[in-house]
Amino acid sequence: SAFQKVNFLRDVKADFEELNRSYFPNTNLKELDEDSKKRIVDEIKADFKKGYEGIVALPTDAKFGVYTAYKYYYKLLNKLQSTPSLEIKNARIRVPNYQKFGLLARSYVKFKMNLV
């Protein structure tokens, strides 16, 4: 659910304004402000915490891929958290390719060293 919610927050403009969809109950997306964004981010971080507990329990052959996706989406969430709410509504926030490569490399090392 954390991955989906990150995508929903990143795509809030397209989902809400173009498709008339809202995935965050009790949040006025027309006037997304910093307090609303903080509540959403806090909820997503709680989902990530629970998700990590599940990743640790995965079979070894599934762990690397899921952990790498976890790290990517967590990085994206951190970028969204540090982006002003108005900018989230007007631009699609991305993780640059060089950072994705770094996440992949670090995830692989942690996986190989049994640190996940």
Protein backbone atom coordinates (compact mmCIF):
# COMPACT_ATOMS: atom_id res chain seq x y z
CA SER A 1 0.00 0.00 0.00
CA ALA A 2 2.93 2.35 0.65
CA PHE A 3 4.07 2.12 -2.98
CA GLN A 4 0.56 2.90 -4.24
CA LYS A 5 0.14 5.84 -1.89
CA VAL A 6 3.47 7.30 -3.00
CA ASN A 7 2.27 7.08 -6.59
CA PHE A 8 -1.07 8.65 -5.62
CA LEU A 9 0.71 11.56 -3.92
CA ARG A 10 3.11 12.02 -6.82
CA ASP A 11 0.27 11.95 -9.36
CA VAL A 12 -2.20 14.01 -7.31
CA LYS A 13 -2.61 16.61 -10.07
CA ALA A 14 -3.45 14.15 -12.82
CA ASP A 15 -5.61 11.94 -10.61
CA PHE A 16 -7.59 14.74 -8.98
CA GLU A 17 -7.78 17.44 -11.62
CA GLU A 18 -7.88 15.38 -14.81
CA LEU A 19 -9.49 12.11 -13.68
CA ASN A 20 -11.51 13.45 -10.72
CA ARG A 21 -10.07 10.78 -8.41
CA SER A 22 -9.03 11.20 -4.80
CA TYR A 23 -7.20 8.50 -2.89
CA PHE A 24 -6.79 10.42 0.36
CA PRO A 25 -10.04 10.61 2.32
CA ASN A 26 -10.57 13.65 4.51
CA THR A 27 -8.05 15.67 2.48
CA ASN A 28 -9.04 18.63 0.32
CA LEU A 29 -6.76 18.11 -2.65
CA LYS A 30 -7.89 21.37 -4.24
CA GLU A 31 -6.07 23.13 -1.45
CA LEU A 32 -3.32 20.65 -0.60
CA ASP A 33 -1.26 22.37 2.07
CA GLU A 34 1.80 21.42 4.11
CA ASP A 35 -0.25 20.09 7.04
CA SER A 36 -2.29 17.82 4.76
CA LYS A 37 0.84 16.66 2.98
CA LYS A 38 2.50 15.90 6.34
CA ARG A 39 -0.46 13.76 7.44
CA ILE A 40 -0.33 11.83 4.17
CA VAL A 41 3.45 11.35 4.39
CA ASP A 42 3.22 10.19 8.02
CA GLU A 43 0.59 7.63 7.06
CA ILE A 44 2.75 6.36 4.21
CA LYS A 45 5.81 6.11 6.47
CA ALA A 46 3.80 3.93 8.86
CA ASP A 47 2.96 1.68 5.90
CA PHE A 48 6.64 1.52 4.96
CA LYS A 49 7.56 0.46 8.50
CA LYS A 50 5.08 -2.41 8.36
CA GLY A 51 6.20 -3.27 4.84
CA TYR A 52 9.84 -3.59 5.88
CA GLU A 53 8.87 -6.15 8.50
CA GLY A 54 7.28 -8.16 5.69
CA ILE A 55 10.33 -7.83 3.44
CA VAL A 56 12.59 -9.27 6.11
CA ALA A 57 10.32 -12.33 6.31
CA LEU A 58 10.29 -12.95 2.53
CA PRO A 59 12.02 -15.95 0.97
CA THR A 60 15.55 -15.10 -0.13
CA ASP A 61 14.80 -15.34 -3.86
CA ALA A 62 12.07 -12.66 -3.58
CA LYS A 63 13.76 -10.34 -1.10
CA PHE A 64 16.19 -8.45 -3.37
CA GLY A 65 13.61 -7.23 -5.88
CA VAL A 66 11.06 -6.19 -3.28
CA TYR A 67 13.71 -4.51 -1.12
CA THR A 68 15.02 -2.56 -4.12
CA ALA A 69 11.50 -1.34 -4.94
CA TYR A 70 11.06 -0.44 -1.27
CA LYS A 71 14.21 1.69 -1.31
CA TYR A 72 13.17 3.41 -4.56
CA TYR A 73 9.70 4.31 -3.33
CA TYR A 74 11.04 5.43 0.04
CA LYS A 75 13.48 7.74 -1.76
CA LEU A 76 10.60 9.09 -3.83
CA LEU A 77 8.57 9.66 -0.67
CA ASN A 78 11.46 11.61 0.86
CA LYS A 79 11.60 13.80 -2.25
CA LEU A 80 7.86 14.40 -2.03
CA GLN A 81 8.17 15.23 1.66
CA SER A 82 10.80 17.89 0.95
CA THR A 83 8.89 19.32 -2.03
CA PRO A 84 6.47 22.17 -1.32
CA SER A 85 2.85 21.03 -1.63
CA LEU A 86 2.15 23.55 -4.38
CA GLU A 87 4.96 22.10 -6.48
CA ILE A 88 3.60 18.57 -5.99
CA LYS A 89 0.35 19.78 -7.52
CA ASN A 90 2.13 21.33 -10.50
CA ALA A 91 5.01 18.98 -11.36
CA ARG A 92 5.66 15.25 -11.37
CA ILE A 93 8.43 14.54 -8.86
CA ARG A 94 11.00 11.99 -10.01
CA VAL A 95 14.10 10.22 -8.80
CA PRO A 96 16.95 10.82 -11.29
CA ASN A 97 18.41 7.77 -13.03
CA TYR A 98 21.81 8.13 -11.36
CA GLN A 99 20.11 7.95 -7.95
CA LYS A 100 18.12 4.90 -9.05
CA PHE A 101 21.37 3.19 -10.03
CA GLY A 102 22.87 4.04 -6.64
CA LEU A 103 19.81 2.61 -4.88
CA LEU A 104 20.11 -0.57 -6.92
CA ALA A 105 23.81 -0.96 -6.10
CA ARG A 106 23.35 -0.33 -2.37
CA SER A 107 20.36 -2.68 -2.24
CA TYR A 108 22.39 -5.42 -3.91
CA VAL A 109 25.27 -5.04 -1.46
CA LYS A 110 22.91 -5.15 1.54
CA PHE A 111 21.14 -8.16 0.09
CA LYS A 112 24.41 -10.03 -0.55
CA MET A 113 25.66 -9.25 2.95
CA ASN A 114 22.37 -10.50 4.51
CA LEU A 115 21.61 -7.06 5.94
CA VAL A 116 18.01 -7.12 4.75
